[in-house]
Amino acid sequence: MEIVIQNQHLTAKIFSKGAELFSLQDNHSSREYMWEGNPDFWGKHAPVLFPIVGTLKGNQYQHKNKSYSLSRHGFARDLDFEVIETKANAVVFSLKANEKTKSNYPFDFELQICYTLVEKKLEYRL
């Protein structure tokens, strides 16, 4: 799902998958500030990296004598976030622990991401 927020200066577009910002455009000049996501080079735009940034040795870690697997940069960028609040200029996404995430990351969590357009800037809060 694609969410669009805007104000008089900017328009932002965010995918619910990964809560990934993929477009930030100036409303007056139509200038696009985001990478186009050309898959020939790199198909992402601004992925959310959670619960890790980078790679684990062998993509594995140990917790309480059990092995878990986490792919490079974690799993949040590949999962659908719930939209929990929308306004014309803001959106809040949420990703909560579930059976799927606990198979690789055995912890309870809620990751909330808020995008807000304020004048000529985009604010991003976790």
PDB file of N, CA and C in Angstrom:
ATOM      1  N   MET A   1       0.838  -1.165   0.000  1.00  0.00           N
ATOM      2  CA  MET A   1       0.000   0.000   0.000  1.00  0.00           C
ATOM      3  C   MET A   1       0.893   1.243   0.000  1.00  0.00           C
ATOM      4  N   GLU A   2       0.476   2.232  -0.710  1.00  0.00           N
ATOM      5  CA  GLU A   2       1.201   3.498  -0.808  1.00  0.00           C
ATOM      6  C   GLU A   2       0.442   4.574  -0.030  1.00  0.00           C
ATOM      7  N   ILE A   3       1.148   5.266   0.853  1.00  0.00           N
ATOM      8  CA  ILE A   3       0.572   6.364   1.635  1.00  0.00           C
ATOM      9  C   ILE A   3       1.188   7.661   1.130  1.00  0.00           C
ATOM     10  N   VAL A   4       0.347   8.676   0.931  1.00  0.00           N
ATOM     11  CA  VAL A   4       0.806   9.981   0.474  1.00  0.00           C
ATOM     12  C   VAL A   4       0.466  11.010   1.546  1.00  0.00           C
ATOM     13  N   ILE A   5       1.480  11.792   1.942  1.00  0.00           N
ATOM     14  CA  ILE A   5       1.257  12.927   2.832  1.00  0.00           C
ATOM     15  C   ILE A   5       1.785  14.167   2.128  1.00  0.00           C
ATOM     16  N   GLN A   6       1.191  15.309   2.457  1.00  0.00           N
ATOM     17  CA  GLN A   6       1.649  16.533   1.791  1.00  0.00           C
ATOM     18  C   GLN A   6       1.310  17.765   2.608  1.00  0.00           C
ATOM     19  N   ASN A   7       2.033  18.819   2.301  1.00  0.00           N
ATOM     20  CA  ASN A   7       1.713  20.149   2.792  1.00  0.00           C
ATOM     21  C   ASN A   7       1.877  21.105   1.614  1.00  0.00           C
ATOM     22  N   GLN A   8       1.913  22.385   1.861  1.00  0.00           N
ATOM     23  CA  GLN A   8       1.996  23.339   0.748  1.00  0.00           C
ATOM     24  C   GLN A   8       3.333  23.287   0.003  1.00  0.00           C
ATOM     25  N   HIS A   9       4.371  22.729   0.625  1.00  0.00           N
ATOM     26  CA  HIS A   9       5.706  22.713   0.028  1.00  0.00           C
ATOM     27  C   HIS A   9       6.136  21.356  -0.528  1.00  0.00           C
ATOM     28  N   LEU A  10       5.745  20.268   0.151  1.00  0.00           N
ATOM     29  CA  LEU A  10       6.286  18.946  -0.173  1.00  0.00           C
ATOM     30  C   LEU A  10       5.199  17.885  -0.257  1.00  0.00           C
ATOM     31  N   THR A  11       5.503  16.839  -1.024  1.00  0.00           N
ATOM     32  CA  THR A  11       4.688  15.632  -1.057  1.00  0.00           C
ATOM     33  C   THR A  11       5.616  14.452  -0.811  1.00  0.00           C
ATOM     34  N   ALA A  12       5.237  13.593   0.141  1.00  0.00           N
ATOM     35  CA  ALA A  12       6.021  12.398   0.459  1.00  0.00           C
ATOM     36  C   ALA A  12       5.160  11.167   0.199  1.00  0.00           C
ATOM     37  N   LYS A  13       5.811  10.114  -0.326  1.00  0.00           N
ATOM     38  CA  LYS A  13       5.134   8.846  -0.576  1.00  0.00           C
ATOM     39  C   LYS A  13       5.897   7.760   0.153  1.00  0.00           C
ATOM     40  N   ILE A  14       5.143   6.937   0.886  1.00  0.00           N
ATOM     41  CA  ILE A  14       5.748   5.906   1.724  1.00  0.00           C
ATOM     42  C   ILE A  14       5.015   4.588   1.470  1.00  0.00           C
ATOM     43  N   PHE A  15       5.772   3.510   1.283  1.00  0.00           N
ATOM     44  CA  PHE A  15       5.189   2.176   1.177  1.00  0.00           C
ATOM     45  C   PHE A  15       4.886   1.659   2.576  1.00  0.00           C
ATOM     46  N   SER A  16       3.773   0.956   2.743  1.00  0.00           N
ATOM     47  CA  SER A  16       3.523   0.292   4.027  1.00  0.00           C
ATOM     48  C   SER A  16       4.483  -0.884   4.198  1.00  0.00           C
ATOM     49  N   LYS A  17       4.910  -1.506   3.091  1.00  0.00           N
ATOM     50  CA  LYS A  17       5.913  -2.562   3.194  1.00  0.00           C
ATOM     51  C   LYS A  17       7.242  -1.906   3.600  1.00  0.00           C
ATOM     52  N   GLY A  18       7.680  -2.248   4.786  1.00  0.00           N
ATOM     53  CA  GLY A  18       8.930  -1.692   5.286  1.00  0.00           C
ATOM     54  C   GLY A  18       8.839  -0.261   5.768  1.00  0.00           C
ATOM     55  N   ALA A  19       7.645   0.356   5.710  1.00  0.00           N
ATOM     56  CA  ALA A  19       7.482   1.778   6.061  1.00  0.00           C
ATOM     57  C   ALA A  19       8.549   2.607   5.354  1.00  0.00           C
ATOM     58  N   GLU A  20       8.790   2.277   4.089  1.00  0.00           N
ATOM     59  CA  GLU A  20       9.904   2.860   3.341  1.00  0.00           C
ATOM     60  C   GLU A  20       9.496   4.100   2.540  1.00  0.00           C
ATOM     61  N   LEU A  21      10.117   5.220   2.867  1.00  0.00           N
ATOM     62  CA  LEU A  21       9.956   6.434   2.085  1.00  0.00           C
ATOM     63  C   LEU A  21      10.529   6.202   0.693  1.00  0.00           C
ATOM     64  N   PHE A  22       9.732   6.452  -0.353  1.00  0.00           N
ATOM     65  CA  PHE A  22      10.263   6.250  -1.697  1.00  0.00           C
ATOM     66  C   PHE A  22      10.158   7.476  -2.583  1.00  0.00           C
ATOM     67  N   SER A  23       9.495   8.514  -2.112  1.00  0.00           N
ATOM     68  CA  SER A  23       9.444   9.747  -2.897  1.00  0.00           C
ATOM     69  C   SER A  23       9.283  10.937  -1.966  1.00  0.00           C
ATOM     70  N   LEU A  24      10.064  11.966  -2.229  1.00  0.00           N
ATOM     71  CA  LEU A  24       9.921  13.253  -1.557  1.00  0.00           C
ATOM     72  C   LEU A  24      10.091  14.306  -2.630  1.00  0.00           C
ATOM     73  N   GLN A  25       9.014  15.007  -2.902  1.00  0.00           N
ATOM     74  CA  GLN A  25       9.009  15.906  -4.052  1.00  0.00           C
ATOM     75  C   GLN A  25       8.611  17.317  -3.635  1.00  0.00           C
ATOM     76  N   ASP A  26       9.319  18.284  -4.193  1.00  0.00           N
ATOM     77  CA  ASP A  26       8.998  19.702  -4.019  1.00  0.00           C
ATOM     78  C   ASP A  26       7.757  20.005  -4.849  1.00  0.00           C
ATOM     79  N   ASN A  27       6.719  20.545  -4.224  1.00  0.00           N
ATOM     80  CA  ASN A  27       5.461  20.805  -4.935  1.00  0.00           C
ATOM     81  C   ASN A  27       5.557  21.943  -5.942  1.00  0.00           C
ATOM     82  N   HIS A  28       6.525  22.828  -5.781  1.00  0.00           N
ATOM     83  CA  HIS A  28       6.621  23.992  -6.666  1.00  0.00           C
ATOM     84  C   HIS A  28       7.497  23.721  -7.879  1.00  0.00           C
ATOM     85  N   SER A  29       8.603  23.046  -7.682  1.00  0.00           N
ATOM     86  CA  SER A  29       9.532  22.795  -8.792  1.00  0.00           C
ATOM     87  C   SER A  29       9.414  21.381  -9.361  1.00  0.00           C
ATOM     88  N   SER A  30       8.667  20.500  -8.681  1.00  0.00           N
ATOM     89  CA  SER A  30       8.547  19.072  -9.036  1.00  0.00           C
ATOM     90  C   SER A  30       9.871  18.320  -8.889  1.00  0.00           C
ATOM     91  N   ARG A  31      10.830  18.903  -8.207  1.00  0.00           N
ATOM     92  CA  ARG A  31      12.112  18.234  -7.987  1.00  0.00           C
ATOM     93  C   ARG A  31      11.928  17.035  -7.053  1.00  0.00           C
ATOM     94  N   GLU A  32      12.464  15.897  -7.472  1.00  0.00           N
ATOM     95  CA  GLU A  32      12.425  14.675  -6.672  1.00  0.00           C
ATOM     96  C   GLU A  32      13.735  14.566  -5.908  1.00  0.00           C
ATOM     97  N   TYR A  33      13.650  14.333  -4.606  1.00  0.00           N
ATOM     98  CA  TYR A  33      14.835  14.254  -3.769  1.00  0.00           C
ATOM     99  C   TYR A  33      15.302  12.825  -3.500  1.00  0.00           C
ATOM    100  N   MET A  34      14.485  11.841  -3.828  1.00  0.00           N
ATOM    101  CA  MET A  34      14.811  10.453  -3.513  1.00  0.00           C
ATOM    102  C   MET A  34      15.390   9.723  -4.719  1.00  0.00           C
ATOM    103  N   TRP A  35      16.253   8.752  -4.426  1.00  0.00           N
ATOM    104  CA  TRP A  35      16.785   7.829  -5.425  1.00  0.00           C
ATOM    105  C   TRP A  35      15.611   7.095  -6.067  1.00  0.00           C
ATOM    106  N   GLU A  36      15.668   6.869  -7.373  1.00  0.00           N
ATOM    107  CA  GLU A  36      14.541   6.275  -8.105  1.00  0.00           C
ATOM    108  C   GLU A  36      14.340   4.783  -7.849  1.00  0.00           C
ATOM    109  N   GLY A  37      15.278   4.131  -7.223  1.00  0.00           N
ATOM    110  CA  GLY A  37      15.131   2.704  -6.931  1.00  0.00           C
ATOM    111  C   GLY A  37      15.342   1.822  -8.139  1.00  0.00           C
ATOM    112  N   ASN A  38      16.245   2.209  -9.017  1.00  0.00           N
ATOM    113  CA  ASN A  38      16.521   1.426 -10.221  1.00  0.00           C
ATOM    114  C   ASN A  38      17.098   0.066  -9.813  1.00  0.00           C
ATOM    115  N   PRO A  39      16.367  -1.047 -10.102  1.00  0.00           N
ATOM    116  CA  PRO A  39      16.841  -2.367  -9.669  1.00  0.00           C
ATOM    117  C   PRO A  39      18.112  -2.833 -10.367  1.00  0.00           C
ATOM    118  N   ASP A  40      18.494  -2.201 -11.462  1.00  0.00           N
ATOM    119  CA  ASP A  40      19.763  -2.551 -12.106  1.00  0.00           C
ATOM    120  C   ASP A  40      20.958  -2.193 -11.226  1.00  0.00           C
ATOM    121  N   PHE A  41      20.753  -1.253 -10.296  1.00  0.00           N
ATOM    122  CA  PHE A  41      21.823  -0.810  -9.408  1.00  0.00           C
ATOM    123  C   PHE A  41      21.517  -1.102  -7.950  1.00  0.00           C
ATOM    124  N   TRP A  42      20.348  -0.632  -7.481  1.00  0.00           N
ATOM    125  CA  TRP A  42      19.892  -0.871  -6.118  1.00  0.00           C
ATOM    126  C   TRP A  42      18.408  -0.538  -6.080  1.00  0.00           C
ATOM    127  N   GLY A  43      17.580  -1.528  -5.795  1.00  0.00           N
ATOM    128  CA  GLY A  43      16.138  -1.384  -5.902  1.00  0.00           C
ATOM    129  C   GLY A  43      15.436  -0.749  -4.720  1.00  0.00           C
ATOM    130  N   LYS A  44      16.161  -0.361  -3.709  1.00  0.00           N
ATOM    131  CA  LYS A  44      15.546   0.260  -2.527  1.00  0.00           C
ATOM    132  C   LYS A  44      15.640   1.785  -2.626  1.00  0.00           C
ATOM    133  N   HIS A  45      14.980   2.440  -1.668  1.00  0.00           N
ATOM    134  CA  HIS A  45      15.005   3.903  -1.610  1.00  0.00           C
ATOM    135  C   HIS A  45      15.600   4.365  -0.276  1.00  0.00           C
ATOM    136  N   ALA A  46      14.901   4.041   0.801  1.00  0.00           N
ATOM    137  CA  ALA A  46      15.346   4.417   2.144  1.00  0.00           C
ATOM    138  C   ALA A  46      14.846   3.352   3.116  1.00  0.00           C
ATOM    139  N   PRO A  47      15.400   2.147   3.051  1.00  0.00           N
ATOM    140  CA  PRO A  47      14.865   1.053   3.873  1.00  0.00           C
ATOM    141  C   PRO A  47      15.102   1.254   5.369  1.00  0.00           C
ATOM    142  N   VAL A  48      14.154   0.745   6.151  1.00  0.00           N
ATOM    143  CA  VAL A  48      14.265   0.744   7.603  1.00  0.00           C
ATOM    144  C   VAL A  48      15.050  -0.499   7.996  1.00  0.00           C
ATOM    145  N   LEU A  49      16.154  -0.313   8.690  1.00  0.00           N
ATOM    146  CA  LEU A  49      17.024  -1.410   9.076  1.00  0.00           C
ATOM    147  C   LEU A  49      16.779  -1.740  10.554  1.00  0.00           C
ATOM    148  N   PHE A  50      16.098  -2.855  10.786  1.00  0.00           N
ATOM    149  CA  PHE A  50      15.747  -3.275  12.143  1.00  0.00           C
ATOM    150  C   PHE A  50      15.579  -4.777  12.142  1.00  0.00           C
ATOM    151  N   PRO A  51      16.066  -5.484  13.114  1.00  0.00           N
ATOM    152  CA  PRO A  51      16.665  -5.045  14.365  1.00  0.00           C
ATOM    153  C   PRO A  51      18.182  -4.887  14.315  1.00  0.00           C
ATOM    154  N   ILE A  52      18.795  -5.107  13.169  1.00  0.00           N
ATOM    155  CA  ILE A  52      20.245  -4.909  13.069  1.00  0.00           C
ATOM    156  C   ILE A  52      20.568  -4.084  11.838  1.00  0.00           C
ATOM    157  N   VAL A  53      21.731  -3.483  11.872  1.00  0.00           N
ATOM    158  CA  VAL A  53      22.310  -2.814  10.707  1.00  0.00           C
ATOM    159  C   VAL A  53      23.584  -3.571  10.388  1.00  0.00           C
ATOM    160  N   GLY A  54      23.669  -4.076   9.168  1.00  0.00           N
ATOM    161  CA  GLY A  54      24.842  -4.838   8.787  1.00  0.00           C
ATOM    162  C   GLY A  54      24.549  -6.329   8.779  1.00  0.00           C
ATOM    163  N   THR A  55      25.616  -7.115   8.884  1.00  0.00           N
ATOM    164  CA  THR A  55      25.514  -8.565   8.762  1.00  0.00           C
ATOM    165  C   THR A  55      26.119  -9.240   9.982  1.00  0.00           C
ATOM    166  N   LEU A  56      25.470 -10.288  10.431  1.00  0.00           N
ATOM    167  CA  LEU A  56      26.022 -11.129  11.492  1.00  0.00           C
ATOM    168  C   LEU A  56      26.922 -12.191  10.873  1.00  0.00           C
ATOM    169  N   LYS A  57      27.922 -12.635  11.596  1.00  0.00           N
ATOM    170  CA  LYS A  57      28.783 -13.707  11.111  1.00  0.00           C
ATOM    171  C   LYS A  57      27.914 -14.943  10.871  1.00  0.00           C
ATOM    172  N   GLY A  58      27.880 -15.391   9.621  1.00  0.00           N
ATOM    173  CA  GLY A  58      27.057 -16.537   9.241  1.00  0.00           C
ATOM    174  C   GLY A  58      25.564 -16.281   9.349  1.00  0.00           C
ATOM    175  N   ASN A  59      25.173 -15.019   9.465  1.00  0.00           N
ATOM    176  CA  ASN A  59      23.772 -14.626   9.652  1.00  0.00           C
ATOM    177  C   ASN A  59      23.142 -15.270  10.885  1.00  0.00           C
ATOM    178  N   GLN A  60      23.966 -15.607  11.885  1.00  0.00           N
ATOM    179  CA  GLN A  60      23.495 -16.316  13.077  1.00  0.00           C
ATOM    180  C   GLN A  60      23.891 -15.561  14.345  1.00  0.00           C
ATOM    181  N   TYR A  61      23.064 -15.746  15.399  1.00  0.00           N
ATOM    182  CA  TYR A  61      23.425 -15.288  16.737  1.00  0.00           C
ATOM    183  C   TYR A  61      22.833 -16.255  17.750  1.00  0.00           C
ATOM    184  N   GLN A  62      23.338 -16.193  18.963  1.00  0.00           N
ATOM    185  CA  GLN A  62      22.912 -17.077  20.047  1.00  0.00           C
ATOM    186  C   GLN A  62      22.192 -16.259  21.113  1.00  0.00           C
ATOM    187  N   HIS A  63      21.108 -16.829  21.613  1.00  0.00           N
ATOM    188  CA  HIS A  63      20.394 -16.226  22.737  1.00  0.00           C
ATOM    189  C   HIS A  63      19.832 -17.361  23.583  1.00  0.00           C
ATOM    190  N   LYS A  64      20.226 -17.404  24.851  1.00  0.00           N
ATOM    191  CA  LYS A  64      19.784 -18.446  25.784  1.00  0.00           C
ATOM    192  C   LYS A  64      20.006 -19.850  25.201  1.00  0.00           C
ATOM    193  N   ASN A  65      21.210 -20.062  24.705  1.00  0.00           N
ATOM    194  CA  ASN A  65      21.643 -21.361  24.170  1.00  0.00           C
ATOM    195  C   ASN A  65      20.851 -21.835  22.954  1.00  0.00           C
ATOM    196  N   LYS A  66      20.243 -20.909  22.254  1.00  0.00           N
ATOM    197  CA  LYS A  66      19.536 -21.254  21.025  1.00  0.00           C
ATOM    198  C   LYS A  66      20.062 -20.376  19.892  1.00  0.00           C
ATOM    199  N   SER A  67      20.187 -20.964  18.688  1.00  0.00           N
ATOM    200  CA  SER A  67      20.658 -20.215  17.517  1.00  0.00           C
ATOM    201  C   SER A  67      19.478 -19.600  16.785  1.00  0.00           C
ATOM    202  N   TYR A  68      19.696 -18.372  16.344  1.00  0.00           N
ATOM    203  CA  TYR A  68      18.714 -17.659  15.544  1.00  0.00           C
ATOM    204  C   TYR A  68      19.395 -17.122  14.298  1.00  0.00           C
ATOM    205  N   SER A  69      18.620 -16.960  13.275  1.00  0.00           N
ATOM    206  CA  SER A  69      19.127 -16.448  12.007  1.00  0.00           C
ATOM    207  C   SER A  69      18.516 -15.086  11.719  1.00  0.00           C
ATOM    208  N   LEU A  70      19.362 -14.143  11.345  1.00  0.00           N
ATOM    209  CA  LEU A  70      18.900 -12.815  10.915  1.00  0.00           C
ATOM    210  C   LEU A  70      19.639 -12.455   9.641  1.00  0.00           C
ATOM    211  N   SER A  71      18.882 -12.092   8.626  1.00  0.00           N
ATOM    212  CA  SER A  71      19.509 -11.680   7.375  1.00  0.00           C
ATOM    213  C   SER A  71      20.105 -10.286   7.518  1.00  0.00           C
ATOM    214  N   ARG A  72      20.910  -9.921   6.555  1.00  0.00           N
ATOM    215  CA  ARG A  72      21.561  -8.612   6.542  1.00  0.00           C
ATOM    216  C   ARG A  72      20.534  -7.502   6.724  1.00  0.00           C
ATOM    217  N   HIS A  73      20.790  -6.606   7.628  1.00  0.00           N
ATOM    218  CA  HIS A  73      19.950  -5.451   7.951  1.00  0.00           C
ATOM    219  C   HIS A  73      18.605  -5.815   8.570  1.00  0.00           C
ATOM    220  N   GLY A  74      18.418  -7.063   8.989  1.00  0.00           N
ATOM    221  CA  GLY A  74      17.193  -7.432   9.691  1.00  0.00           C
ATOM    222  C   GLY A  74      16.010  -7.677   8.775  1.00  0.00           C
ATOM    223  N   PHE A  75      14.825  -7.628   9.361  1.00  0.00           N
ATOM    224  CA  PHE A  75      13.620  -8.045   8.648  1.00  0.00           C
ATOM    225  C   PHE A  75      12.584  -6.954   8.436  1.00  0.00           C
ATOM    226  N   ALA A  76      12.660  -5.836   9.120  1.00  0.00           N
ATOM    227  CA  ALA A  76      11.597  -4.823   9.057  1.00  0.00           C
ATOM    228  C   ALA A  76      11.356  -4.322   7.626  1.00  0.00           C
ATOM    229  N   ARG A  77      12.395  -4.187   6.854  1.00  0.00           N
ATOM    230  CA  ARG A  77      12.249  -3.645   5.497  1.00  0.00           C
ATOM    231  C   ARG A  77      11.430  -4.549   4.588  1.00  0.00           C
ATOM    232  N   ASP A  78      11.249  -5.816   4.986  1.00  0.00           N
ATOM    233  CA  ASP A  78      10.532  -6.779   4.156  1.00  0.00           C
ATOM    234  C   ASP A  78       9.125  -7.086   4.652  1.00  0.00           C
ATOM    235  N   LEU A  79       8.687  -6.446   5.729  1.00  0.00           N
ATOM    236  CA  LEU A  79       7.382  -6.744   6.312  1.00  0.00           C
ATOM    237  C   LEU A  79       6.419  -5.578   6.151  1.00  0.00           C
ATOM    238  N   ASP A  80       5.130  -5.910   6.134  1.00  0.00           N
ATOM    239  CA  ASP A  80       4.095  -4.879   6.046  1.00  0.00           C
ATOM    240  C   ASP A  80       3.853  -4.276   7.423  1.00  0.00           C
ATOM    241  N   PHE A  81       3.941  -2.966   7.496  1.00  0.00           N
ATOM    242  CA  PHE A  81       3.646  -2.228   8.714  1.00  0.00           C
ATOM    243  C   PHE A  81       2.164  -1.864   8.710  1.00  0.00           C
ATOM    244  N   GLU A  82       1.615  -1.756   9.901  1.00  0.00           N
ATOM    245  CA  GLU A  82       0.238  -1.286  10.057  1.00  0.00           C
ATOM    246  C   GLU A  82       0.257   0.243  10.090  1.00  0.00           C
ATOM    247  N   VAL A  83      -0.693   0.862   9.403  1.00  0.00           N
ATOM    248  CA  VAL A  83      -0.845   2.314   9.479  1.00  0.00           C
ATOM    249  C   VAL A  83      -1.761   2.573  10.672  1.00  0.00           C
ATOM    250  N   ILE A  84      -1.226   3.252  11.697  1.00  0.00           N
ATOM    251  CA  ILE A  84      -2.034   3.462  12.895  1.00  0.00           C
ATOM    252  C   ILE A  84      -2.562   4.889  13.035  1.00  0.00           C
ATOM    253  N   GLU A  85      -2.034   5.805  12.237  1.00  0.00           N
ATOM    254  CA  GLU A  85      -2.544   7.179  12.265  1.00  0.00           C
ATOM    255  C   GLU A  85      -2.171   7.882  10.963  1.00  0.00           C
ATOM    256  N   THR A  86      -3.106   8.617  10.417  1.00  0.00           N
ATOM    257  CA  THR A  86      -2.811   9.424   9.230  1.00  0.00           C
ATOM    258  C   THR A  86      -3.432  10.807   9.387  1.00  0.00           C
ATOM    259  N   LYS A  87      -2.717  11.771   8.888  1.00  0.00           N
ATOM    260  CA  LYS A  87      -3.182  13.156   8.766  1.00  0.00           C
ATOM    261  C   LYS A  87      -2.745  13.609   7.388  1.00  0.00           C
ATOM    262  N   ALA A  88      -3.168  14.753   6.965  1.00  0.00           N
ATOM    263  CA  ALA A  88      -2.777  15.250   5.643  1.00  0.00           C
ATOM    264  C   ALA A  88      -1.265  15.334   5.515  1.00  0.00           C
ATOM    265  N   ASN A  89      -0.588  15.746   6.605  1.00  0.00           N
ATOM    266  CA  ASN A  89       0.866  15.959   6.552  1.00  0.00           C
ATOM    267  C   ASN A  89       1.670  14.949   7.368  1.00  0.00           C
ATOM    268  N   ALA A  90       1.031  13.880   7.862  1.00  0.00           N
ATOM    269  CA  ALA A  90       1.760  12.939   8.724  1.00  0.00           C
ATOM    270  C   ALA A  90       1.155  11.544   8.661  1.00  0.00           C
ATOM    271  N   VAL A  91       2.018  10.557   8.945  1.00  0.00           N
ATOM    272  CA  VAL A  91       1.573   9.167   9.036  1.00  0.00           C
ATOM    273  C   VAL A  91       2.423   8.452  10.077  1.00  0.00           C
ATOM    274  N   VAL A  92       1.796   7.532  10.821  1.00  0.00           N
ATOM    275  CA  VAL A  92       2.494   6.718  11.809  1.00  0.00           C
ATOM    276  C   VAL A  92       2.289   5.251  11.441  1.00  0.00           C
ATOM    277  N   PHE A  93       3.395   4.530  11.352  1.00  0.00           N
ATOM    278  CA  PHE A  93       3.395   3.103  11.043  1.00  0.00           C
ATOM    279  C   PHE A  93       3.808   2.326  12.289  1.00  0.00           C
ATOM    280  N   SER A  94       3.346   1.071  12.386  1.00  0.00           N
ATOM    281  CA  SER A  94       3.715   0.215  13.503  1.00  0.00           C
ATOM    282  C   SER A  94       3.998  -1.199  13.011  1.00  0.00           C
ATOM    283  N   LEU A  95       5.053  -1.780  13.569  1.00  0.00           N
ATOM    284  CA  LEU A  95       5.369  -3.192  13.358  1.00  0.00           C
ATOM    285  C   LEU A  95       5.555  -3.800  14.733  1.00  0.00           C
ATOM    286  N   LYS A  96       4.785  -4.868  15.027  1.00  0.00           N
ATOM    287  CA  LYS A  96       4.855  -5.522  16.334  1.00  0.00           C
ATOM    288  C   LYS A  96       5.379  -6.940  16.177  1.00  0.00           C
ATOM    289  N   ALA A  97       5.976  -7.422  17.254  1.00  0.00           N
ATOM    290  CA  ALA A  97       6.440  -8.807  17.287  1.00  0.00           C
ATOM    291  C   ALA A  97       5.261  -9.737  17.034  1.00  0.00           C
ATOM    292  N   ASN A  98       5.544 -10.809  16.295  1.00  0.00           N
ATOM    293  CA  ASN A  98       4.538 -11.827  16.025  1.00  0.00           C
ATOM    294  C   ASN A  98       5.260 -13.170  15.883  1.00  0.00           C
ATOM    295  N   GLU A  99       4.509 -14.218  15.573  1.00  0.00           N
ATOM    296  CA  GLU A  99       5.138 -15.547  15.470  1.00  0.00           C
ATOM    297  C   GLU A  99       6.251 -15.566  14.434  1.00  0.00           C
ATOM    298  N   LYS A 100       6.030 -14.899  13.310  1.00  0.00           N
ATOM    299  CA  LYS A 100       7.043 -14.888  12.250  1.00  0.00           C
ATOM    300  C   LYS A 100       8.319 -14.189  12.719  1.00  0.00           C
ATOM    301  N   THR A 101       8.195 -13.010  13.309  1.00  0.00           N
ATOM    302  CA  THR A 101       9.398 -12.279  13.747  1.00  0.00           C
ATOM    303  C   THR A 101      10.091 -13.015  14.885  1.00  0.00           C
ATOM    304  N   LYS A 102       9.310 -13.638  15.780  1.00  0.00           N
ATOM    305  CA  LYS A 102       9.912 -14.322  16.934  1.00  0.00           C
ATOM    306  C   LYS A 102      10.689 -15.573  16.533  1.00  0.00           C
ATOM    307  N   SER A 103      10.449 -16.095  15.334  1.00  0.00           N
ATOM    308  CA  SER A 103      11.243 -17.244  14.900  1.00  0.00           C
ATOM    309  C   SER A 103      12.688 -16.841  14.609  1.00  0.00           C
ATOM    310  N   ASN A 104      12.920 -15.562  14.327  1.00  0.00           N
ATOM    311  CA  ASN A 104      14.268 -15.054  14.075  1.00  0.00           C
ATOM    312  C   ASN A 104      14.754 -14.067  15.130  1.00  0.00           C
ATOM    313  N   TYR A 105      13.823 -13.513  15.882  1.00  0.00           N
ATOM    314  CA  TYR A 105      14.132 -12.463  16.855  1.00  0.00           C
ATOM    315  C   TYR A 105      13.176 -12.662  18.032  1.00  0.00           C
ATOM    316  N   PRO A 106      13.578 -13.438  19.040  1.00  0.00           N
ATOM    317  CA  PRO A 106      12.649 -13.904  20.073  1.00  0.00           C
ATOM    318  C   PRO A 106      12.315 -12.872  21.153  1.00  0.00           C
ATOM    319  N   PHE A 107      12.074 -11.660  20.742  1.00  0.00           N
ATOM    320  CA  PHE A 107      11.820 -10.586  21.684  1.00  0.00           C
ATOM    321  C   PHE A 107      10.521  -9.882  21.335  1.00  0.00           C
ATOM    322  N   ASP A 108       9.812  -9.410  22.356  1.00  0.00           N
ATOM    323  CA  ASP A 108       8.640  -8.571  22.122  1.00  0.00           C
ATOM    324  C   ASP A 108       9.121  -7.175  21.765  1.00  0.00           C
ATOM    325  N   PHE A 109       8.476  -6.573  20.798  1.00  0.00           N
ATOM    326  CA  PHE A 109       8.824  -5.205  20.411  1.00  0.00           C
ATOM    327  C   PHE A 109       7.644  -4.574  19.689  1.00  0.00           C
ATOM    328  N   GLU A 110       7.655  -3.267  19.647  1.00  0.00           N
ATOM    329  CA  GLU A 110       6.816  -2.502  18.732  1.00  0.00           C
ATOM    330  C   GLU A 110       7.692  -1.397  18.176  1.00  0.00           C
ATOM    331  N   LEU A 111       7.822  -1.381  16.873  1.00  0.00           N
ATOM    332  CA  LEU A 111       8.586  -0.357  16.173  1.00  0.00           C
ATOM    333  C   LEU A 111       7.593   0.597  15.533  1.00  0.00           C
ATOM    334  N   GLN A 112       7.570   1.837  15.998  1.00  0.00           N
ATOM    335  CA  GLN A 112       6.711   2.855  15.401  1.00  0.00           C
ATOM    336  C   GLN A 112       7.584   3.849  14.654  1.00  0.00           C
ATOM    337  N   ILE A 113       7.125   4.209  13.472  1.00  0.00           N
ATOM    338  CA  ILE A 113       7.838   5.170  12.634  1.00  0.00           C
ATOM    339  C   ILE A 113       6.845   6.248  12.229  1.00  0.00           C
ATOM    340  N   CYS A 114       7.220   7.491  12.461  1.00  0.00           N
ATOM    341  CA  CYS A 114       6.350   8.618  12.139  1.00  0.00           C
ATOM    342  C   CYS A 114       7.050   9.533  11.133  1.00  0.00           C
ATOM    343  N   TYR A 115       6.370   9.804  10.038  1.00  0.00           N
ATOM    344  CA  TYR A 115       6.835  10.774   9.041  1.00  0.00           C
ATOM    345  C   TYR A 115       5.908  11.983   9.141  1.00  0.00           C
ATOM    346  N   THR A 116       6.497  13.186   9.249  1.00  0.00           N
ATOM    347  CA  THR A 116       5.711  14.414   9.325  1.00  0.00           C
ATOM    348  C   THR A 116       6.351  15.483   8.442  1.00  0.00           C
ATOM    349  N   LEU A 117       5.549  16.108   7.613  1.00  0.00           N
ATOM    350  CA  LEU A 117       6.023  17.239   6.816  1.00  0.00           C
ATOM    351  C   LEU A 117       5.776  18.519   7.599  1.00  0.00           C
ATOM    352  N   VAL A 118       6.844  19.287   7.815  1.00  0.00           N
ATOM    353  CA  VAL A 118       6.781  20.552   8.533  1.00  0.00           C
ATOM    354  C   VAL A 118       7.478  21.586   7.666  1.00  0.00           C
ATOM    355  N   GLU A 119       6.687  22.518   7.149  1.00  0.00           N
ATOM    356  CA  GLU A 119       7.216  23.521   6.219  1.00  0.00           C
ATOM    357  C   GLU A 119       7.968  22.834   5.072  1.00  0.00           C
ATOM    358  N   LYS A 120       9.275  23.114   4.921  1.00  0.00           N
ATOM    359  CA  LYS A 120      10.051  22.560   3.806  1.00  0.00           C
ATOM    360  C   LYS A 120      10.950  21.410   4.234  1.00  0.00           C
ATOM    361  N   LYS A 121      10.530  20.668   5.276  1.00  0.00           N
ATOM    362  CA  LYS A 121      11.346  19.531   5.714  1.00  0.00           C
ATOM    363  C   LYS A 121      10.458  18.339   6.072  1.00  0.00           C
ATOM    364  N   LEU A 122      11.084  17.171   6.027  1.00  0.00           N
ATOM    365  CA  LEU A 122      10.436  15.938   6.437  1.00  0.00           C
ATOM    366  C   LEU A 122      11.053  15.505   7.756  1.00  0.00           C
ATOM    367  N   GLU A 123      10.246  15.355   8.785  1.00  0.00           N
ATOM    368  CA  GLU A 123      10.716  14.862  10.079  1.00  0.00           C
ATOM    369  C   GLU A 123      10.426  13.375  10.157  1.00  0.00           C
ATOM    370  N   TYR A 124      11.380  12.631  10.700  1.00  0.00           N
ATOM    371  CA  TYR A 124      11.300  11.185  10.817  1.00  0.00           C
ATOM    372  C   TYR A 124      11.598  10.823  12.266  1.00  0.00           C
ATOM    373  N   ARG A 125      10.638  10.164  12.918  1.00  0.00           N
ATOM    374  CA  ARG A 125      10.822   9.790  14.324  1.00  0.00           C
ATOM    375  C   ARG A 125      10.551   8.317  14.506  1.00  0.00           C
ATOM    376  N   LEU A 126      11.340   7.682  15.362  1.00  0.00           N
ATOM    377  CA  LEU A 126      11.116   6.292  15.758  1.00  0.00           C
ATOM    378  C   LEU A 126      10.465   6.274  17.112  1.00  0.00           C
TER     379      LEU A 126
END
